[in-house]
């Protein structure tokens, strides 16, 4: 069992399993799959505010979703501790070459040390990538009314036009960032 869990799963198994979460959540509890609303739930829980946006029954609306997010964190921790074999992440040689052109060459861990180290986080490049990028992701999620999982999995499964527009925007934004903005930052 551990051997099966520790290997990458093909898309035709992992994809349908993720996709089946949408009807399962709807049938089991009339819930929609998504993760971005947890930020609002946590803020409502720990930061008493007079803002109407944070004054609601977060326990009734967000309790299950917070457990879902906790499960994601614990699952990731379990996978990194119990299922990791210590072998560096496998990247295509073309991807390695493209990243090397941008100055990224250390692929010994799960993430490149040139980007994800304490010294790098507090640099100007780190401030742009993590600070500005994090703000833009948070703003975009609120502006789009959900995150990539909410729109891309649940919204598209429900044939919602706003989700289709959001997913197309996610892809266009990702392509533009990858090909034009990221080379300028790195």
C-alpha atoms as a PDB file:
ATOM      1  CA  UNK A   1       0.000   0.000   0.000  1.00  0.00           C
ATOM      2  CA  UNK A   2       2.782   2.444   0.923  1.00  0.00           C
ATOM      3  CA  UNK A   3       4.538   1.602  -2.337  1.00  0.00           C
ATOM      4  CA  UNK A   4       1.392   2.454  -4.322  1.00  0.00           C
ATOM      5  CA  UNK A   5       0.863   5.718  -2.427  1.00  0.00           C
ATOM      6  CA  UNK A   6       4.478   6.814  -2.806  1.00  0.00           C
ATOM      7  CA  UNK A   7       4.474   6.564  -6.612  1.00  0.00           C
ATOM      8  CA  UNK A   8       3.086   9.254  -8.914  1.00  0.00           C
ATOM      9  CA  UNK A   9      -0.429   8.410 -10.016  1.00  0.00           C
ATOM     10  CA  UNK A  10      -1.386   8.776 -13.661  1.00  0.00           C
ATOM     11  CA  UNK A  11      -3.763  11.571 -14.587  1.00  0.00           C
ATOM     12  CA  UNK A  12      -6.512   9.146 -15.562  1.00  0.00           C
ATOM     13  CA  UNK A  13      -6.697   7.895 -11.965  1.00  0.00           C
ATOM     14  CA  UNK A  14      -5.915  11.031  -9.940  1.00  0.00           C
ATOM     15  CA  UNK A  15      -8.094  13.317 -12.094  1.00  0.00           C
ATOM     16  CA  UNK A  16     -11.317  11.326 -11.763  1.00  0.00           C
ATOM     17  CA  UNK A  17     -10.722  10.867  -8.025  1.00  0.00           C
ATOM     18  CA  UNK A  18     -10.468  14.629  -7.600  1.00  0.00           C
ATOM     19  CA  UNK A  19     -13.441  15.141  -9.890  1.00  0.00           C
ATOM     20  CA  UNK A  20     -15.563  12.680  -7.902  1.00  0.00           C
ATOM     21  CA  UNK A  21     -15.153  14.903  -4.836  1.00  0.00           C
ATOM     22  CA  UNK A  22     -17.572  17.425  -6.395  1.00  0.00           C
ATOM     23  CA  UNK A  23     -20.658  15.167  -6.516  1.00  0.00           C
ATOM     24  CA  UNK A  24     -19.644  13.434  -3.276  1.00  0.00           C
ATOM     25  CA  UNK A  25     -19.605  16.746  -1.389  1.00  0.00           C
ATOM     26  CA  UNK A  26     -22.871  17.826  -3.002  1.00  0.00           C
ATOM     27  CA  UNK A  27     -24.654  14.565  -2.189  1.00  0.00           C
ATOM     28  CA  UNK A  28     -23.174  14.151   1.290  1.00  0.00           C
ATOM     29  CA  UNK A  29     -23.755  17.663   2.577  1.00  0.00           C
ATOM     30  CA  UNK A  30     -24.731  20.121  -0.153  1.00  0.00           C
ATOM     31  CA  UNK A  31     -21.188  21.561  -0.073  1.00  0.00           C
ATOM     32  CA  UNK A  32     -19.052  23.013  -2.858  1.00  0.00           C
ATOM     33  CA  UNK A  33     -15.401  22.098  -3.291  1.00  0.00           C
ATOM     34  CA  UNK A  34     -13.067  25.045  -2.787  1.00  0.00           C
ATOM     35  CA  UNK A  35     -10.368  26.264  -0.462  1.00  0.00           C
ATOM     36  CA  UNK A  36     -10.121  30.051  -0.747  1.00  0.00           C
ATOM     37  CA  UNK A  37     -13.047  30.805   1.569  1.00  0.00           C
ATOM     38  CA  UNK A  38     -10.989  29.437   4.469  1.00  0.00           C
ATOM     39  CA  UNK A  39      -9.087  32.714   4.701  1.00  0.00           C
ATOM     40  CA  UNK A  40     -12.360  34.482   5.455  1.00  0.00           C
ATOM     41  CA  UNK A  41     -13.335  31.792   7.995  1.00  0.00           C
ATOM     42  CA  UNK A  42      -9.997  32.048   9.825  1.00  0.00           C
ATOM     43  CA  UNK A  43     -10.153  35.850   9.900  1.00  0.00           C
ATOM     44  CA  UNK A  44     -13.721  35.734  11.246  1.00  0.00           C
ATOM     45  CA  UNK A  45     -12.655  33.240  13.906  1.00  0.00           C
ATOM     46  CA  UNK A  46      -9.486  34.894  15.206  1.00  0.00           C
ATOM     47  CA  UNK A  47      -9.871  38.594  14.389  1.00  0.00           C
ATOM     48  CA  UNK A  48     -13.005  40.056  15.943  1.00  0.00           C
ATOM     49  CA  UNK A  49     -14.010  42.817  13.587  1.00  0.00           C
ATOM     50  CA  UNK A  50     -16.763  45.278  13.007  1.00  0.00           C
ATOM     51  CA  UNK A  51     -16.498  44.695   9.279  1.00  0.00           C
ATOM     52  CA  UNK A  52     -19.704  43.106   8.016  1.00  0.00           C
ATOM     53  CA  UNK A  53     -17.684  40.810   5.775  1.00  0.00           C
ATOM     54  CA  UNK A  54     -16.328  38.974   8.838  1.00  0.00           C
ATOM     55  CA  UNK A  55     -19.518  39.002  10.909  1.00  0.00           C
ATOM     56  CA  UNK A  56     -21.297  35.757  10.102  1.00  0.00           C
ATOM     57  CA  UNK A  57     -21.657  32.224  11.482  1.00  0.00           C
ATOM     58  CA  UNK A  58     -18.252  30.937  10.396  1.00  0.00           C
ATOM     59  CA  UNK A  59     -18.675  27.763  12.467  1.00  0.00           C
ATOM     60  CA  UNK A  60     -21.814  26.762  10.601  1.00  0.00           C
ATOM     61  CA  UNK A  61     -20.582  27.775   7.164  1.00  0.00           C
ATOM     62  CA  UNK A  62     -16.878  27.097   7.405  1.00  0.00           C
ATOM     63  CA  UNK A  63     -16.321  24.340   9.935  1.00  0.00           C
ATOM     64  CA  UNK A  64     -16.252  21.523   7.405  1.00  0.00           C
ATOM     65  CA  UNK A  65     -14.120  23.592   5.013  1.00  0.00           C
ATOM     66  CA  UNK A  66     -11.550  24.329   7.717  1.00  0.00           C
ATOM     67  CA  UNK A  67     -11.327  20.573   8.394  1.00  0.00           C
ATOM     68  CA  UNK A  68     -10.869  20.030   4.657  1.00  0.00           C
ATOM     69  CA  UNK A  69      -7.974  22.527   4.638  1.00  0.00           C
ATOM     70  CA  UNK A  70      -6.470  20.916   7.743  1.00  0.00           C
ATOM     71  CA  UNK A  71      -6.687  17.552   5.986  1.00  0.00           C
ATOM     72  CA  UNK A  72      -4.809  18.974   2.999  1.00  0.00           C
ATOM     73  CA  UNK A  73      -2.039  20.271   5.286  1.00  0.00           C
ATOM     74  CA  UNK A  74      -1.806  17.035   7.274  1.00  0.00           C
ATOM     75  CA  UNK A  75      -1.904  14.949   4.091  1.00  0.00           C
ATOM     76  CA  UNK A  76       0.948  16.975   2.618  1.00  0.00           C
ATOM     77  CA  UNK A  77       2.945  16.639   5.850  1.00  0.00           C
ATOM     78  CA  UNK A  78       2.311  12.886   5.950  1.00  0.00           C
ATOM     79  CA  UNK A  79       3.303  12.502   2.298  1.00  0.00           C
ATOM     80  CA  UNK A  80       6.521  14.475   2.760  1.00  0.00           C
ATOM     81  CA  UNK A  81       7.540  12.573   5.892  1.00  0.00           C
ATOM     82  CA  UNK A  82       6.286   9.041   5.287  1.00  0.00           C
ATOM     83  CA  UNK A  83       6.180   8.697   1.519  1.00  0.00           C
ATOM     84  CA  UNK A  84       9.262  10.657   0.415  1.00  0.00           C
ATOM     85  CA  UNK A  85      12.140   8.530  -0.808  1.00  0.00           C
ATOM     86  CA  UNK A  86      14.696  11.355  -0.795  1.00  0.00           C
ATOM     87  CA  UNK A  87      15.083  11.273  -4.567  1.00  0.00           C
ATOM     88  CA  UNK A  88      15.050  14.764  -6.100  1.00  0.00           C
ATOM     89  CA  UNK A  89      11.897  15.753  -7.920  1.00  0.00           C
ATOM     90  CA  UNK A  90      11.817  14.483 -11.488  1.00  0.00           C
ATOM     91  CA  UNK A  91      11.753  17.233 -14.081  1.00  0.00           C
ATOM     92  CA  UNK A  92      11.869  16.966 -17.843  1.00  0.00           C
ATOM     93  CA  UNK A  93      15.240  17.876 -19.306  1.00  0.00           C
ATOM     94  CA  UNK A  94      13.612  20.710 -21.297  1.00  0.00           C
ATOM     95  CA  UNK A  95      12.215  22.165 -18.062  1.00  0.00           C
ATOM     96  CA  UNK A  96      15.620  21.918 -16.384  1.00  0.00           C
ATOM     97  CA  UNK A  97      17.207  23.698 -19.344  1.00  0.00           C
ATOM     98  CA  UNK A  98      14.580  26.473 -19.303  1.00  0.00           C
ATOM     99  CA  UNK A  99      15.036  26.966 -15.559  1.00  0.00           C
ATOM    100  CA  UNK A 100      18.829  26.941 -15.902  1.00  0.00           C
ATOM    101  CA  UNK A 101      18.514  29.829 -18.371  1.00  0.00           C
ATOM    102  CA  UNK A 102      16.699  31.733 -15.603  1.00  0.00           C
ATOM    103  CA  UNK A 103      19.440  30.948 -13.054  1.00  0.00           C
ATOM    104  CA  UNK A 104      17.703  28.032 -11.312  1.00  0.00           C
ATOM    105  CA  UNK A 105      19.981  24.993 -11.139  1.00  0.00           C
ATOM    106  CA  UNK A 106      19.589  23.354  -7.707  1.00  0.00           C
ATOM    107  CA  UNK A 107      16.995  20.588  -8.045  1.00  0.00           C
ATOM    108  CA  UNK A 108      18.074  18.509  -5.044  1.00  0.00           C
ATOM    109  CA  UNK A 109      14.960  19.232  -2.961  1.00  0.00           C
ATOM    110  CA  UNK A 110      11.259  19.592  -3.569  1.00  0.00           C
ATOM    111  CA  UNK A 111      11.713  23.262  -4.521  1.00  0.00           C
ATOM    112  CA  UNK A 112      14.693  25.202  -5.892  1.00  0.00           C
ATOM    113  CA  UNK A 113      16.909  26.594  -3.133  1.00  0.00           C
ATOM    114  CA  UNK A 114      17.628  29.643  -5.307  1.00  0.00           C
ATOM    115  CA  UNK A 115      14.029  30.715  -4.736  1.00  0.00           C
ATOM    116  CA  UNK A 116      12.911  29.043  -1.512  1.00  0.00           C
ATOM    117  CA  UNK A 117      15.471  29.749   1.214  1.00  0.00           C
ATOM    118  CA  UNK A 118      15.343  32.150   4.161  1.00  0.00           C
ATOM    119  CA  UNK A 119      17.943  34.422   2.623  1.00  0.00           C
ATOM    120  CA  UNK A 120      16.056  34.522  -0.678  1.00  0.00           C
ATOM    121  CA  UNK A 121      12.653  35.198   0.880  1.00  0.00           C
ATOM    122  CA  UNK A 122      13.958  38.438   2.418  1.00  0.00           C
ATOM    123  CA  UNK A 123      15.632  39.650  -0.776  1.00  0.00           C
ATOM    124  CA  UNK A 124      14.071  42.062  -3.292  1.00  0.00           C
ATOM    125  CA  UNK A 125      13.296  39.163  -5.630  1.00  0.00           C
ATOM    126  CA  UNK A 126      11.706  37.265  -2.740  1.00  0.00           C
ATOM    127  CA  UNK A 127       9.649  40.299  -1.772  1.00  0.00           C
ATOM    128  CA  UNK A 128       8.360  40.566  -5.334  1.00  0.00           C
ATOM    129  CA  UNK A 129       7.684  36.848  -5.748  1.00  0.00           C
ATOM    130  CA  UNK A 130       6.162  36.162  -2.336  1.00  0.00           C
ATOM    131  CA  UNK A 131       4.863  39.532  -1.162  1.00  0.00           C
ATOM    132  CA  UNK A 132       3.521  41.007  -4.388  1.00  0.00           C
ATOM    133  CA  UNK A 133       2.660  37.590  -5.832  1.00  0.00           C
ATOM    134  CA  UNK A 134       0.830  36.571  -2.667  1.00  0.00           C
ATOM    135  CA  UNK A 135      -1.126  39.821  -2.627  1.00  0.00           C
ATOM    136  CA  UNK A 136      -2.087  39.406  -6.278  1.00  0.00           C
ATOM    137  CA  UNK A 137      -3.202  35.817  -5.690  1.00  0.00           C
ATOM    138  CA  UNK A 138      -5.296  36.873  -2.693  1.00  0.00           C
ATOM    139  CA  UNK A 139      -6.784  39.828  -4.527  1.00  0.00           C
ATOM    140  CA  UNK A 140      -7.452  37.770  -7.643  1.00  0.00           C
ATOM    141  CA  UNK A 141      -9.114  35.028  -5.648  1.00  0.00           C
ATOM    142  CA  UNK A 142     -11.433  37.512  -3.961  1.00  0.00           C
ATOM    143  CA  UNK A 143     -12.089  39.361  -7.228  1.00  0.00           C
ATOM    144  CA  UNK A 144     -12.816  36.148  -9.148  1.00  0.00           C
ATOM    145  CA  UNK A 145     -15.059  34.842  -6.379  1.00  0.00           C
ATOM    146  CA  UNK A 146     -12.974  31.727  -5.814  1.00  0.00           C
ATOM    147  CA  UNK A 147      -9.747  29.904  -6.402  1.00  0.00           C
ATOM    148  CA  UNK A 148      -8.489  27.570  -9.102  1.00  0.00           C
ATOM    149  CA  UNK A 149      -9.889  24.481  -7.392  1.00  0.00           C
ATOM    150  CA  UNK A 150     -13.280  26.073  -6.751  1.00  0.00           C
ATOM    151  CA  UNK A 151     -13.687  27.359 -10.298  1.00  0.00           C
ATOM    152  CA  UNK A 152     -11.705  24.704 -12.154  1.00  0.00           C
ATOM    153  CA  UNK A 153     -13.198  21.675 -10.461  1.00  0.00           C
ATOM    154  CA  UNK A 154     -16.531  22.605  -8.886  1.00  0.00           C
ATOM    155  CA  UNK A 155     -17.527  25.525 -11.111  1.00  0.00           C
ATOM    156  CA  UNK A 156     -16.769  23.819 -14.399  1.00  0.00           C
ATOM    157  CA  UNK A 157     -18.518  20.652 -13.203  1.00  0.00           C
ATOM    158  CA  UNK A 158     -21.634  22.781 -12.628  1.00  0.00           C
ATOM    159  CA  UNK A 159     -21.288  24.366 -16.103  1.00  0.00           C
ATOM    160  CA  UNK A 160     -20.974  27.875 -14.632  1.00  0.00           C
ATOM    161  CA  UNK A 161     -19.982  30.512 -17.205  1.00  0.00           C
ATOM    162  CA  UNK A 162     -18.167  32.699 -14.612  1.00  0.00           C
ATOM    163  CA  UNK A 163     -16.008  29.676 -13.716  1.00  0.00           C
ATOM    164  CA  UNK A 164     -15.163  29.065 -17.362  1.00  0.00           C
ATOM    165  CA  UNK A 165     -14.138  32.707 -17.738  1.00  0.00           C
ATOM    166  CA  UNK A 166     -12.098  32.497 -14.515  1.00  0.00           C
ATOM    167  CA  UNK A 167     -10.300  29.301 -15.593  1.00  0.00           C
ATOM    168  CA  UNK A 168      -9.467  30.753 -19.017  1.00  0.00           C
ATOM    169  CA  UNK A 169      -8.139  33.858 -17.222  1.00  0.00           C
ATOM    170  CA  UNK A 170      -6.035  31.677 -14.895  1.00  0.00           C
ATOM    171  CA  UNK A 171      -4.410  29.969 -17.870  1.00  0.00           C
ATOM    172  CA  UNK A 172      -3.821  33.180 -19.815  1.00  0.00           C
ATOM    173  CA  UNK A 173      -2.378  34.860 -16.709  1.00  0.00           C
ATOM    174  CA  UNK A 174      -0.143  31.872 -16.031  1.00  0.00           C
ATOM    175  CA  UNK A 175       1.159  31.792 -19.582  1.00  0.00           C
ATOM    176  CA  UNK A 176       1.829  35.540 -19.662  1.00  0.00           C
ATOM    177  CA  UNK A 177       3.559  35.420 -16.280  1.00  0.00           C
ATOM    178  CA  UNK A 178       5.666  32.388 -17.178  1.00  0.00           C
ATOM    179  CA  UNK A 179       6.825  33.662 -20.549  1.00  0.00           C
ATOM    180  CA  UNK A 180       7.106  37.412 -20.002  1.00  0.00           C
ATOM    181  CA  UNK A 181       7.077  38.462 -16.330  1.00  0.00           C
ATOM    182  CA  UNK A 182       9.006  35.671 -14.607  1.00  0.00           C
ATOM    183  CA  UNK A 183      12.114  36.038 -16.820  1.00  0.00           C
ATOM    184  CA  UNK A 184      12.232  39.736 -15.855  1.00  0.00           C
ATOM    185  CA  UNK A 185      12.015  38.962 -12.124  1.00  0.00           C
ATOM    186  CA  UNK A 186      14.455  36.063 -12.074  1.00  0.00           C
END
